[in-house]
N, C-alpha and C. Protein backbone atom coordinates (compact mmCIF):
# COMPACT_ATOMS: atom_id res chain seq x y z
N MET A 1 0.82 -1.21 0.00
CA MET A 1 0.00 0.00 0.00
C MET A 1 0.86 1.26 0.00
N ALA A 2 2.14 1.11 0.28
CA ALA A 2 3.03 2.28 0.28
C ALA A 2 3.16 2.90 -1.12
N ALA A 3 2.85 2.12 -2.16
CA ALA A 3 2.91 2.64 -3.53
C ALA A 3 1.58 3.21 -4.00
N VAL A 4 0.54 3.09 -3.17
CA VAL A 4 -0.79 3.61 -3.52
C VAL A 4 -0.83 5.07 -3.08
N LEU A 5 -0.88 5.95 -4.04
CA LEU A 5 -0.76 7.38 -3.74
C LEU A 5 -1.87 7.90 -2.84
N ARG A 6 -3.08 7.35 -2.95
CA ARG A 6 -4.17 7.78 -2.06
C ARG A 6 -3.85 7.40 -0.62
N ALA A 7 -3.28 6.22 -0.42
CA ALA A 7 -2.90 5.80 0.93
C ALA A 7 -1.81 6.71 1.48
N VAL A 8 -0.91 7.16 0.63
CA VAL A 8 0.15 8.08 1.05
C VAL A 8 -0.44 9.42 1.46
N THR A 9 -1.39 9.94 0.68
CA THR A 9 -1.98 11.24 1.01
C THR A 9 -2.77 11.18 2.32
N LEU A 10 -3.29 10.00 2.65
CA LEU A 10 -4.04 9.82 3.91
C LEU A 10 -3.14 9.38 5.06
N SER A 11 -1.85 9.22 4.79
CA SER A 11 -0.87 8.73 5.79
C SER A 11 -1.29 7.39 6.38
N GLU A 12 -1.84 6.52 5.53
CA GLU A 12 -2.29 5.19 5.94
C GLU A 12 -1.72 4.15 4.97
N THR A 13 -0.42 3.95 5.00
CA THR A 13 0.23 3.06 4.04
C THR A 13 0.35 1.62 4.53
N ARG A 14 -0.22 1.31 5.67
CA ARG A 14 -0.19 -0.08 6.14
C ARG A 14 -1.12 -0.93 5.29
N GLY A 15 -0.70 -2.14 4.98
CA GLY A 15 -1.52 -3.05 4.22
C GLY A 15 -0.79 -3.59 3.01
N PHE A 16 -1.52 -4.31 2.18
CA PHE A 16 -0.91 -4.88 0.97
C PHE A 16 -1.97 -5.15 -0.08
N VAL A 17 -1.51 -5.37 -1.30
CA VAL A 17 -2.37 -5.73 -2.42
C VAL A 17 -1.68 -6.86 -3.17
N LYS A 18 -2.45 -7.88 -3.50
CA LYS A 18 -1.90 -9.02 -4.24
C LYS A 18 -2.93 -9.47 -5.26
N MET A 19 -2.49 -9.71 -6.49
CA MET A 19 -3.39 -10.15 -7.54
C MET A 19 -2.87 -11.45 -8.14
N LEU A 20 -3.78 -12.37 -8.42
CA LEU A 20 -3.43 -13.63 -9.07
C LEU A 20 -3.88 -13.55 -10.52
N ILE A 21 -2.92 -13.77 -11.44
CA ILE A 21 -3.18 -13.63 -12.87
C ILE A 21 -2.85 -14.94 -13.57
N ASP A 22 -3.72 -15.38 -14.48
CA ASP A 22 -3.45 -16.56 -15.30
C ASP A 22 -2.45 -16.15 -16.38
N ALA A 23 -1.27 -16.76 -16.37
CA ALA A 23 -0.20 -16.38 -17.29
C ALA A 23 -0.54 -16.69 -18.75
N GLN A 24 -1.42 -17.65 -18.99
CA GLN A 24 -1.74 -17.99 -20.37
C GLN A 24 -2.79 -17.06 -20.98
N SER A 25 -3.80 -16.71 -20.19
CA SER A 25 -4.89 -15.89 -20.73
C SER A 25 -4.82 -14.43 -20.29
N ASP A 26 -3.95 -14.11 -19.32
CA ASP A 26 -3.84 -12.76 -18.74
C ASP A 26 -5.08 -12.35 -17.96
N ARG A 27 -5.98 -13.29 -17.70
CA ARG A 27 -7.18 -12.97 -16.93
C ARG A 27 -6.85 -12.90 -15.45
N ILE A 28 -7.57 -12.05 -14.77
CA ILE A 28 -7.41 -11.88 -13.33
C ILE A 28 -8.21 -12.99 -12.64
N LEU A 29 -7.55 -13.76 -11.80
CA LEU A 29 -8.21 -14.86 -11.09
C LEU A 29 -8.66 -14.45 -9.69
N GLY A 30 -8.00 -13.45 -9.13
CA GLY A 30 -8.39 -13.02 -7.80
C GLY A 30 -7.57 -11.83 -7.33
N LEU A 31 -8.06 -11.19 -6.28
CA LEU A 31 -7.39 -10.02 -5.70
C LEU A 31 -7.58 -10.05 -4.19
N THR A 32 -6.52 -9.74 -3.49
CA THR A 32 -6.60 -9.51 -2.05
C THR A 32 -6.06 -8.12 -1.80
N ALA A 33 -6.81 -7.31 -1.12
CA ALA A 33 -6.38 -5.95 -0.81
C ALA A 33 -6.77 -5.64 0.63
N LEU A 34 -5.78 -5.25 1.40
CA LEU A 34 -6.00 -4.90 2.79
C LEU A 34 -5.36 -3.54 3.02
N GLY A 35 -6.18 -2.55 3.28
CA GLY A 35 -5.67 -1.21 3.49
C GLY A 35 -6.77 -0.18 3.36
N VAL A 36 -6.38 1.06 3.51
CA VAL A 36 -7.34 2.16 3.46
C VAL A 36 -8.02 2.20 2.09
N GLU A 37 -9.33 2.30 2.07
CA GLU A 37 -10.14 2.41 0.87
C GLU A 37 -9.89 1.28 -0.13
N ALA A 38 -9.54 0.09 0.36
CA ALA A 38 -9.27 -1.06 -0.52
C ALA A 38 -10.50 -1.46 -1.32
N SER A 39 -11.68 -1.18 -0.80
CA SER A 39 -12.91 -1.55 -1.51
C SER A 39 -13.01 -0.86 -2.86
N GLU A 40 -12.46 0.33 -2.98
CA GLU A 40 -12.47 1.04 -4.26
C GLU A 40 -11.68 0.27 -5.31
N MET A 41 -10.53 -0.24 -4.91
CA MET A 41 -9.69 -1.02 -5.81
C MET A 41 -10.39 -2.34 -6.16
N MET A 42 -11.01 -2.96 -5.16
CA MET A 42 -11.70 -4.23 -5.39
C MET A 42 -12.84 -4.07 -6.38
N ALA A 43 -13.55 -2.96 -6.33
CA ALA A 43 -14.66 -2.73 -7.26
C ALA A 43 -14.16 -2.65 -8.70
N ALA A 44 -13.05 -2.00 -8.92
CA ALA A 44 -12.49 -1.90 -10.27
C ALA A 44 -12.06 -3.27 -10.77
N VAL A 45 -11.43 -4.05 -9.92
CA VAL A 45 -10.97 -5.39 -10.31
C VAL A 45 -12.15 -6.31 -10.53
N GLN A 46 -13.16 -6.22 -9.69
CA GLN A 46 -14.35 -7.06 -9.87
C GLN A 46 -15.00 -6.78 -11.23
N THR A 47 -15.09 -5.53 -11.60
CA THR A 47 -15.66 -5.18 -12.90
C THR A 47 -14.85 -5.80 -14.04
N ALA A 48 -13.53 -5.73 -13.94
CA ALA A 48 -12.66 -6.34 -14.96
C ALA A 48 -12.85 -7.85 -15.00
N MET A 49 -12.97 -8.46 -13.83
CA MET A 49 -13.15 -9.92 -13.78
C MET A 49 -14.50 -10.33 -14.37
N LEU A 50 -15.55 -9.60 -14.06
CA LEU A 50 -16.87 -9.92 -14.61
C LEU A 50 -16.89 -9.76 -16.13
N GLY A 51 -16.13 -8.80 -16.63
CA GLY A 51 -16.03 -8.59 -18.07
C GLY A 51 -15.01 -9.47 -18.75
N ARG A 52 -14.36 -10.35 -17.96
CA ARG A 52 -13.33 -11.26 -18.47
C ARG A 52 -12.22 -10.51 -19.22
N LEU A 53 -11.87 -9.35 -18.67
CA LEU A 53 -10.83 -8.53 -19.28
C LEU A 53 -9.45 -8.99 -18.80
N PRO A 54 -8.44 -8.85 -19.64
CA PRO A 54 -7.08 -9.16 -19.19
C PRO A 54 -6.59 -8.09 -18.21
N TYR A 55 -5.63 -8.46 -17.39
CA TYR A 55 -5.09 -7.50 -16.41
C TYR A 55 -4.50 -6.28 -17.10
N THR A 56 -4.10 -6.42 -18.35
CA THR A 56 -3.46 -5.31 -19.07
C THR A 56 -4.40 -4.13 -19.26
N VAL A 57 -5.70 -4.37 -19.25
CA VAL A 57 -6.67 -3.27 -19.36
C VAL A 57 -6.53 -2.36 -18.14
N LEU A 58 -6.43 -2.95 -16.96
CA LEU A 58 -6.25 -2.15 -15.75
C LEU A 58 -4.86 -1.54 -15.69
N ARG A 59 -3.87 -2.30 -16.12
CA ARG A 59 -2.48 -1.80 -16.09
C ARG A 59 -2.34 -0.55 -16.96
N ASP A 60 -3.02 -0.54 -18.10
CA ASP A 60 -2.87 0.55 -19.06
C ASP A 60 -3.91 1.67 -18.87
N ALA A 61 -4.79 1.50 -17.90
CA ALA A 61 -5.85 2.49 -17.68
C ALA A 61 -5.28 3.76 -17.03
N ILE A 62 -6.01 4.83 -17.19
CA ILE A 62 -5.67 6.09 -16.53
C ILE A 62 -6.74 6.33 -15.47
N PHE A 63 -6.34 6.25 -14.21
CA PHE A 63 -7.25 6.44 -13.09
C PHE A 63 -7.11 7.85 -12.53
N THR A 64 -8.19 8.33 -11.95
CA THR A 64 -8.18 9.64 -11.30
C THR A 64 -7.13 9.65 -10.19
N HIS A 65 -6.47 10.77 -10.02
CA HIS A 65 -5.42 10.92 -9.00
C HIS A 65 -5.89 11.85 -7.91
N PRO A 66 -5.69 11.58 -6.67
CA PRO A 66 -5.20 10.33 -6.09
C PRO A 66 -6.37 9.45 -5.67
N THR A 67 -6.43 8.26 -6.19
CA THR A 67 -7.43 7.28 -5.77
C THR A 67 -6.73 5.98 -5.44
N THR A 68 -7.42 5.13 -4.71
CA THR A 68 -6.85 3.84 -4.39
C THR A 68 -6.75 2.98 -5.66
N ALA A 69 -7.73 3.08 -6.55
CA ALA A 69 -7.70 2.31 -7.79
C ALA A 69 -6.47 2.62 -8.63
N GLU A 70 -5.97 3.82 -8.52
CA GLU A 70 -4.76 4.21 -9.24
C GLU A 70 -3.58 3.30 -8.87
N GLY A 71 -3.61 2.74 -7.68
CA GLY A 71 -2.56 1.83 -7.24
C GLY A 71 -2.47 0.57 -8.08
N LEU A 72 -3.55 0.21 -8.78
CA LEU A 72 -3.52 -0.97 -9.66
C LEU A 72 -2.48 -0.83 -10.75
N VAL A 73 -2.32 0.37 -11.27
CA VAL A 73 -1.34 0.62 -12.33
C VAL A 73 0.06 0.28 -11.83
N PHE A 74 0.38 0.70 -10.61
CA PHE A 74 1.70 0.42 -10.05
C PHE A 74 1.86 -1.06 -9.73
N LEU A 75 0.82 -1.69 -9.21
CA LEU A 75 0.86 -3.12 -8.90
C LEU A 75 1.10 -3.92 -10.17
N LEU A 76 0.35 -3.64 -11.22
CA LEU A 76 0.42 -4.44 -12.44
C LEU A 76 1.65 -4.13 -13.28
N ALA A 77 2.27 -3.00 -13.05
CA ALA A 77 3.52 -2.70 -13.75
C ALA A 77 4.63 -3.62 -13.29
N THR A 78 4.43 -4.30 -12.16
CA THR A 78 5.46 -5.19 -11.63
C THR A 78 5.29 -6.64 -12.06
N VAL A 79 4.33 -6.92 -12.94
CA VAL A 79 4.16 -8.29 -13.43
C VAL A 79 5.46 -8.68 -14.15
N PRO A 80 6.02 -9.84 -13.80
CA PRO A 80 7.30 -10.24 -14.38
C PRO A 80 7.25 -10.29 -15.91
N ALA A 81 8.35 -9.94 -16.53
CA ALA A 81 8.44 -9.89 -17.99
C ALA A 81 8.10 -11.23 -18.62
N LYS A 82 8.42 -12.34 -17.97
CA LYS A 82 8.13 -13.67 -18.51
C LYS A 82 6.64 -13.85 -18.73
N ALA A 83 5.82 -13.46 -17.76
CA ALA A 83 4.37 -13.58 -17.91
C ALA A 83 3.88 -12.68 -19.02
N MET A 84 4.46 -11.48 -19.12
CA MET A 84 4.05 -10.55 -20.18
C MET A 84 4.49 -11.09 -21.54
N GLN A 85 5.63 -11.76 -21.63
CA GLN A 85 6.12 -12.31 -22.89
C GLN A 85 5.22 -13.45 -23.35
N GLN A 86 4.77 -14.31 -22.42
CA GLN A 86 3.90 -15.41 -22.77
C GLN A 86 2.61 -14.91 -23.39
N SER A 87 2.11 -13.78 -22.91
CA SER A 87 0.86 -13.25 -23.45
C SER A 87 1.05 -12.70 -24.86
N ALA A 88 2.26 -12.32 -25.21
CA ALA A 88 2.55 -11.78 -26.55
C ALA A 88 2.66 -12.90 -27.58
N ASP A 89 2.94 -14.11 -27.12
CA ASP A 89 3.09 -15.24 -28.05
C ASP A 89 1.80 -15.77 -28.58
C-alpha cells in the first residue's frame, strides 16, 4: 500500500495488495487488498473480472489521481516480464 498514492496522502500506508493472474490468458483470477479504501480497488478489479478482461486493461488504464484504484497501475507494472512475454506469443 506504500505505492498507492491515495494511501500516502491519507498517511495510511499499512496493508498490501496481491493479484493472481493466469499467465496464459492474462485474466485476473483473484485479488486480495488490505488497506485504506481497498474496496475502491476491489470494485475496479471485480468489474474487470466480470467482463473477463485481461489484467493489461487495468495496467494501461488512466485512473483519477489520487485514488486507491490508481494503485492498480503500479501493482500491475510489476508483473514479471516472462508472464508478459507469454501473453505476446
